[in-house]
Structures are given as structure tokens and as C-alpha cells.
């Protein structure tokens, strides 16, 4: 795990606590059914965690390739801080969000969380290399998930306080 993939937030007393993390992996090339034909693409699995403590945070996730960069969500995700330090957190969990696992014909090699409003975060973006692995692809297929199914394009985000935010992940 790269230290560039973790952001820290300064808490009272100057203590630094991990408050954001991002990682992703991609399969080797696989056949994806598309428009009555089979095309080569990859399955991407993405996960991240972001926590707002005292200050509001606004961010989006970016997939970066040599020829294309894509924001994962149509609109930024906004987390509210709280004066007691127990603000919202957002855990992008593959078990709850279909946007976490997507097929794509595009080639990406880096994933970043970019903060438009970084609150008490120590940096304005965190990034990680997208590693190639067939482990998640094999688990995804063996779980009974349909091969080649694309995201529904509409996700309900569950926040720490039980609130929800509607988000629209884009097709990567």
C-alpha cells in the first residue's frame, strides 16, 4: 500500500489520523458482450474510504489512463463535518455499490480521490496504481454476477449517520 494512497486529518492536539484511502485493481483482458459481438475489455474493482471529522469535505474519484481520465461520479460527493468531530464518512463498499465493479473498454492505470474541499485533510488528492489481478474477476464471475453487466448508473450512498445521498456513477 502506497503512502500516496492515504490522507490524514489533523485532530485536536495535533494528532494525525488516517481519514481517506483509495485502491483499485483490473483484470487481464476479457471478452465483454457488446452490441451482439464480443469485445476485449477489463473488469475494474475500485474501493475507497473518506471521512469528514470537523470540516466539510467535497470530492470525486478519478480514473486516469494514458488517453482518458474519467470522474467516477457525475456529481461530487459532499460529506458534512461536525463540531464534535463525528462527521459523515463514506465507505465505498463493493457489496453495496454496483459502480464499484465495472467492465470497461478503456485502459486506466491510476485511481485518485481529488478533494475540491479538503477540510482538515493533509493533502488535496490521494492516488494509487491500479494493479492487474484476476483474483477479483474470478470471484466476481464465480459469485453468479452476470459477465459484462454494466452499472445501473444510480447509486444510493449510505452515510455514517444513516442519511443517504443519491449519486450517479458514470460508465467508465
Protein backbone atom coordinates (compact mmCIF):
# COMPACT_ATOMS: atom_id res chain seq x y z
CA UNK A 1 0.00 0.00 0.00
CA UNK A 2 1.44 3.31 -1.06
CA UNK A 3 1.56 6.24 1.37
CA UNK A 4 0.30 8.34 -1.55
CA UNK A 5 -3.00 6.43 -1.30
CA UNK A 6 -3.74 7.59 2.26
CA UNK A 7 -4.70 11.06 3.52
CA UNK A 8 -4.52 12.09 7.14
CA UNK A 9 -6.58 14.64 9.03
CA UNK A 10 -5.31 16.65 11.94
CA UNK A 11 -7.37 16.08 15.07
CA UNK A 12 -7.33 18.18 18.27
CA UNK A 13 -3.95 18.12 19.94
CA UNK A 14 -2.19 17.81 16.57
CA UNK A 15 -2.79 14.05 16.24
CA UNK A 16 -2.83 12.82 12.62
CA UNK A 17 -5.39 10.10 11.89
CA UNK A 18 -5.93 8.25 8.57
CA UNK A 19 -9.08 9.74 7.04
CA UNK A 20 -9.04 8.63 3.40
CA UNK A 21 -7.77 5.71 1.35
CA UNK A 22 -8.15 4.57 -2.28
CA UNK A 23 -7.22 1.43 -4.23
CA UNK A 24 -8.24 -0.45 -7.38
CA UNK A 25 -7.41 -3.45 -9.49
CA UNK A 26 -8.17 -4.54 -13.03
CA UNK A 27 -8.43 -7.92 -14.71
CA UNK A 28 -6.40 -9.08 -17.65
CA UNK A 29 -8.25 -8.61 -20.94
CA UNK A 30 -11.58 -10.47 -21.00
CA UNK A 31 -14.37 -10.81 -23.55
CA UNK A 32 -17.30 -8.46 -22.91
CA UNK A 33 -20.58 -8.87 -24.82
CA UNK A 34 -21.46 -5.59 -26.51
CA UNK A 35 -23.90 -4.87 -29.38
CA UNK A 36 -24.15 -8.53 -30.48
CA UNK A 37 -20.39 -9.03 -30.51
CA UNK A 38 -17.59 -9.83 -28.07
CA UNK A 39 -15.06 -7.05 -27.44
CA UNK A 40 -11.93 -7.04 -25.31
CA UNK A 41 -12.03 -5.05 -22.09
CA UNK A 42 -11.26 -5.28 -18.39
CA UNK A 43 -13.15 -5.62 -15.14
CA UNK A 44 -12.22 -2.83 -12.71
CA UNK A 45 -12.76 -3.14 -8.96
CA UNK A 46 -12.48 0.11 -7.02
CA UNK A 47 -12.73 0.89 -3.31
CA UNK A 48 -12.17 3.94 -1.18
CA UNK A 49 -12.97 5.42 2.20
CA UNK A 50 -13.28 9.10 3.10
CA UNK A 51 -14.17 10.57 6.49
CA UNK A 52 -15.13 14.14 7.40
CA UNK A 53 -14.45 14.94 11.03
CA UNK A 54 -14.78 18.63 11.90
CA UNK A 55 -14.93 20.22 8.44
CA UNK A 56 -16.99 19.59 5.32
CA UNK A 57 -15.31 17.64 2.53
CA UNK A 58 -16.19 17.51 -1.16
CA UNK A 59 -14.55 15.01 -3.52
CA UNK A 60 -14.78 12.82 -6.58
CA UNK A 61 -12.91 9.73 -7.75
CA UNK A 62 -10.87 9.94 -10.95
CA UNK A 63 -9.69 7.03 -13.09
CA UNK A 64 -6.64 8.06 -15.07
CA UNK A 65 -5.23 6.45 -18.19
CA UNK A 66 -2.79 7.42 -20.90
CA UNK A 67 -5.55 8.65 -23.23
CA UNK A 68 -8.56 9.20 -20.98
CA UNK A 69 -9.47 10.44 -17.50
CA UNK A 70 -12.94 9.74 -16.10
CA UNK A 71 -14.70 11.01 -12.98
CA UNK A 72 -16.50 8.09 -11.35
CA UNK A 73 -19.48 10.17 -10.19
CA UNK A 74 -21.47 12.73 -12.17
CA UNK A 75 -21.60 15.00 -9.11
CA UNK A 76 -19.10 15.37 -6.29
CA UNK A 77 -19.77 13.59 -3.02
CA UNK A 78 -20.24 16.02 -0.12
CA UNK A 79 -19.60 14.94 3.47
CA UNK A 80 -20.58 17.15 6.38
CA UNK A 81 -18.20 17.73 9.27
CA UNK A 82 -19.44 18.16 12.82
CA UNK A 83 -18.20 20.28 15.71
CA UNK A 84 -17.79 17.17 17.88
CA UNK A 85 -15.53 15.58 15.23
CA UNK A 86 -18.01 12.87 14.30
CA UNK A 87 -18.89 13.95 10.78
CA UNK A 88 -20.03 11.78 7.89
CA UNK A 89 -17.92 9.02 6.44
CA UNK A 90 -18.22 7.31 3.14
CA UNK A 91 -17.10 3.74 2.65
CA UNK A 92 -17.40 2.68 -0.97
CA UNK A 93 -18.20 -0.96 -0.32
CA UNK A 94 -18.23 -3.43 -3.21
CA UNK A 95 -21.02 -5.43 -1.59
CA UNK A 96 -23.45 -2.48 -1.67
CA UNK A 97 -22.49 -0.46 -4.76
CA UNK A 98 -22.54 -1.86 -8.28
CA UNK A 99 -20.38 1.03 -9.51
CA UNK A 100 -17.51 -0.46 -7.54
CA UNK A 101 -17.10 -3.27 -10.06
CA UNK A 102 -17.41 -2.26 -13.70
CA UNK A 103 -16.38 -3.55 -17.09
CA UNK A 104 -14.69 -1.05 -19.35
CA UNK A 105 -13.21 -0.87 -22.82
CA UNK A 106 -10.95 1.96 -21.60
CA UNK A 107 -7.50 1.44 -20.13
CA UNK A 108 -6.79 3.06 -16.75
CA UNK A 109 -3.63 2.70 -14.67
CA UNK A 110 -4.23 5.09 -11.75
CA UNK A 111 -7.10 5.93 -9.39
CA UNK A 112 -7.30 9.17 -7.38
CA UNK A 113 -9.61 10.77 -4.86
CA UNK A 114 -9.45 14.51 -5.52
CA UNK A 115 -10.74 16.86 -2.85
CA UNK A 116 -12.37 20.09 -4.05
CA UNK A 117 -12.95 20.95 -0.40
CA UNK A 118 -10.43 19.08 1.74
CA UNK A 119 -11.40 20.08 5.27
CA UNK A 120 -8.63 19.08 7.67
CA UNK A 121 -7.04 16.65 5.17
CA UNK A 122 -3.27 16.93 4.82
CA UNK A 123 -3.39 16.79 1.00
CA UNK A 124 -5.80 17.68 -1.78
CA UNK A 125 -5.61 14.32 -3.57
CA UNK A 126 -4.61 10.73 -2.95
CA UNK A 127 -3.73 8.27 -5.69
CA UNK A 128 -2.83 4.64 -6.15
CA UNK A 129 -1.70 2.49 -9.06
CA UNK A 130 -4.38 0.19 -10.48
CA UNK A 131 -2.84 -3.26 -10.25
CA UNK A 132 -3.60 -6.09 -12.64
CA UNK A 133 -5.10 -9.16 -10.99
CA UNK A 134 -7.62 -11.82 -11.95
CA UNK A 135 -8.47 -12.61 -8.33
CA UNK A 136 -11.44 -10.22 -8.14
CA UNK A 137 -12.56 -11.10 -11.67
CA UNK A 138 -12.70 -14.81 -10.81
CA UNK A 139 -14.57 -14.10 -7.57
CA UNK A 140 -16.99 -11.81 -9.41
CA UNK A 141 -17.78 -14.41 -12.06
CA UNK A 142 -17.99 -17.25 -9.51
CA UNK A 143 -20.43 -15.22 -7.39
CA UNK A 144 -23.05 -15.54 -10.13
CA UNK A 145 -22.72 -11.93 -11.27
CA UNK A 146 -23.55 -11.61 -14.95
CA UNK A 147 -20.50 -11.27 -17.13
CA UNK A 148 -20.45 -7.93 -18.88
CA UNK A 149 -23.21 -6.28 -16.82
CA UNK A 150 -22.67 -2.57 -16.63
CA UNK A 151 -23.52 -0.27 -13.72
CA UNK A 152 -27.13 0.76 -13.15
CA UNK A 153 -25.98 4.38 -13.16
CA UNK A 154 -27.82 5.28 -9.97
CA UNK A 155 -26.44 4.61 -6.51
CA UNK A 156 -27.75 5.42 -3.06
CA UNK A 157 -24.85 6.28 -0.79
CA UNK A 158 -25.23 5.42 2.89
CA UNK A 159 -23.58 7.86 5.25
CA UNK A 160 -22.47 7.24 8.83
CA UNK A 161 -25.46 8.99 10.39
CA UNK A 162 -27.96 6.94 8.38
CA UNK A 163 -28.53 9.69 5.82
CA UNK A 164 -28.35 8.86 2.15
CA UNK A 165 -27.09 10.75 -0.90
CA UNK A 166 -28.15 9.86 -4.42
CA UNK A 167 -25.14 9.57 -6.73
CA UNK A 168 -24.83 8.78 -10.41
CA UNK A 169 -21.72 6.78 -11.21
CA UNK A 170 -20.70 7.07 -14.83
CA UNK A 171 -19.86 4.16 -17.08
CA UNK A 172 -16.09 4.03 -17.02
